[in-house]
Amino acid sequence: MDILFRFFSPLGMAPVVGLVGLGLFERGFPVLGNCVEIGLPMLLLVVGLSQYLKHVRPLRDIPIFERFPVLICVPIIWIYAVILTASGAYRDKLFKTQHNCRTDRADLISTAPWFMFPYPLQWGAPTF
């Protein structure tokens, strides 16, 4: 990536990052409002890792927090959501809030169109 970064100036990358960010804002930010208890900590954690801890390198010369903030934050926030669900934080909330926030009622894995467990020979018998 360092080789490629010298070809892109900040003046050229700022509009690209701005347009991509504004384009994704319309899709992502309203979903954050469905469950503020989980969405807001995720947003703050991603921004904190990617912007403020990007120079912290726990493994020698690999900037993990700069390159993988979302991959680090998703398991942390899932554990946080499981703790909130198990502690009964959503017990007296509206059905919509429970559906969006609880880890046991959200059905995220079963309703995701891109997630599928492979099984043997699902594309037919092997040919040689």
Protein backbone atom coordinates (compact mmCIF):
# COMPACT_ATOMS: atom_id res chain seq x y z
CA MET A 1 0.00 0.00 0.00
CA ASP A 2 2.87 2.40 0.67
CA ILE A 3 3.90 2.17 -2.97
CA LEU A 4 0.38 3.14 -4.09
CA PHE A 5 0.01 5.95 -1.56
CA ARG A 6 2.68 8.06 -3.20
CA PHE A 7 0.55 8.27 -6.39
CA PHE A 8 -2.52 9.62 -4.59
CA SER A 9 -2.38 13.11 -3.15
CA PRO A 10 -4.62 14.24 -0.28
CA LEU A 11 -6.20 16.73 -2.66
CA GLY A 12 -7.32 13.91 -4.94
CA MET A 13 -8.35 11.48 -2.24
CA ALA A 14 -10.44 13.89 -0.13
CA PRO A 15 -13.30 14.09 -2.67
CA VAL A 16 -13.26 10.32 -3.19
CA VAL A 17 -13.43 9.58 0.54
CA GLY A 18 -16.09 12.26 0.99
CA LEU A 19 -18.31 10.92 -1.80
CA VAL A 20 -18.00 7.33 -0.67
CA GLY A 21 -18.70 8.32 2.94
CA LEU A 22 -21.73 10.41 2.05
CA GLY A 23 -23.03 7.65 -0.21
CA LEU A 24 -22.80 5.08 2.56
CA PHE A 25 -24.18 7.48 5.18
CA GLU A 26 -27.70 7.14 3.77
CA ARG A 27 -27.62 3.36 4.16
CA GLY A 28 -25.70 2.95 7.40
CA PHE A 29 -26.66 5.75 9.75
CA PRO A 30 -30.44 5.10 9.86
CA VAL A 31 -29.66 1.49 10.82
CA LEU A 32 -27.63 2.82 13.75
CA GLY A 33 -30.81 4.49 15.00
CA ASN A 34 -32.64 1.15 15.17
CA CYS A 35 -30.49 0.13 18.14
CA VAL A 36 -28.60 3.03 19.65
CA GLU A 37 -27.31 0.93 22.56
CA ILE A 38 -25.22 -1.14 20.15
CA GLY A 39 -24.76 1.20 17.18
CA LEU A 40 -23.32 4.16 19.03
CA PRO A 41 -20.61 2.19 20.90
CA MET A 42 -19.68 0.51 17.60
CA LEU A 43 -19.36 3.87 15.86
CA LEU A 44 -17.28 5.34 18.68
CA LEU A 45 -15.06 2.27 18.89
CA VAL A 46 -14.38 2.19 15.14
CA VAL A 47 -13.56 5.89 15.07
CA GLY A 48 -11.42 5.57 18.19
CA LEU A 49 -9.40 2.65 16.85
CA SER A 50 -9.02 3.90 13.31
CA GLN A 51 -8.30 7.56 14.06
CA TYR A 52 -6.80 7.81 17.53
CA LEU A 53 -5.04 4.47 18.00
CA LYS A 54 -3.80 4.00 14.45
CA HIS A 55 -0.17 4.54 15.47
CA VAL A 56 -0.34 1.98 18.30
CA ARG A 57 1.30 -1.21 17.07
CA PRO A 58 0.92 -4.14 19.47
CA LEU A 59 2.59 -6.55 17.02
CA ARG A 60 5.95 -5.08 15.99
CA ASP A 61 5.56 -3.11 12.77
CA ILE A 62 2.00 -4.07 11.81
CA PRO A 63 -0.53 -1.22 12.24
CA ILE A 64 -3.43 -3.49 13.21
CA PHE A 65 -5.73 -0.75 14.50
CA GLU A 66 -5.25 1.27 11.32
CA ARG A 67 -5.94 -1.60 8.93
CA PHE A 68 -8.55 -3.73 10.70
CA PRO A 69 -10.67 -1.53 12.99
CA VAL A 70 -14.00 -2.97 11.85
CA LEU A 71 -12.82 -6.58 12.13
CA ILE A 72 -11.64 -5.88 15.67
CA CYS A 73 -14.76 -3.96 16.70
CA VAL A 74 -17.40 -6.41 15.45
CA PRO A 75 -16.53 -9.24 17.88
CA ILE A 76 -16.16 -6.78 20.75
CA ILE A 77 -19.58 -5.26 20.11
CA TRP A 78 -21.17 -8.70 19.61
CA ILE A 79 -19.89 -9.73 23.04
CA TYR A 80 -21.25 -6.46 24.43
CA ALA A 81 -24.64 -7.16 22.78
CA VAL A 82 -24.73 -10.67 24.22
CA ILE A 83 -24.02 -9.26 27.67
CA LEU A 84 -26.79 -6.68 27.27
CA THR A 85 -29.22 -9.37 26.11
CA ALA A 86 -28.32 -11.80 28.90
CA SER A 87 -28.56 -9.11 31.57
CA GLY A 88 -32.13 -8.25 30.54
CA ALA A 89 -31.48 -4.74 29.29
CA TYR A 90 -34.19 -5.10 26.63
CA ARG A 91 -36.78 -6.85 28.78
CA ASP A 92 -39.23 -3.92 28.97
CA LYS A 93 -38.48 -2.32 25.61
CA LEU A 94 -40.71 -2.14 22.53
CA PHE A 95 -40.90 -5.12 20.19
CA LYS A 96 -39.05 -3.24 17.42
CA THR A 97 -36.17 -2.46 19.77
CA GLN A 98 -36.02 -6.05 20.96
CA HIS A 99 -36.06 -7.32 17.38
CA ASN A 100 -33.20 -5.03 16.34
CA CYS A 101 -31.05 -5.24 19.47
CA ARG A 102 -31.37 -8.65 21.08
CA THR A 103 -28.90 -11.24 19.90
CA ASP A 104 -31.31 -14.11 20.46
CA ARG A 105 -34.22 -12.60 18.48
CA ALA A 106 -32.53 -10.66 15.70
CA ASP A 107 -32.16 -13.71 13.37
CA LEU A 108 -29.22 -12.04 11.63
CA ILE A 109 -27.56 -15.22 10.42
CA SER A 110 -30.74 -16.93 9.20
CA THR A 111 -32.07 -13.86 7.35
CA ALA A 112 -28.82 -12.77 5.71
CA PRO A 113 -29.03 -13.53 1.98
CA TRP A 114 -25.24 -13.81 1.63
CA PHE A 115 -24.67 -16.30 4.44
CA MET A 116 -24.97 -19.99 3.68
CA PHE A 117 -23.53 -23.07 5.31
CA PRO A 118 -22.03 -25.32 2.62
CA TYR A 119 -22.86 -28.98 2.61
CA PRO A 120 -21.15 -31.84 0.77
CA LEU A 121 -21.96 -32.29 -2.92
CA GLN A 122 -24.29 -29.27 -3.07
CA TRP A 123 -23.16 -28.56 -6.65
CA GLY A 124 -23.39 -32.19 -7.73
CA ALA A 125 -21.07 -35.14 -7.82
CA PRO A 126 -17.37 -34.47 -8.46
CA THR A 127 -16.12 -35.11 -11.97
CA PHE A 128 -12.68 -36.38 -12.80
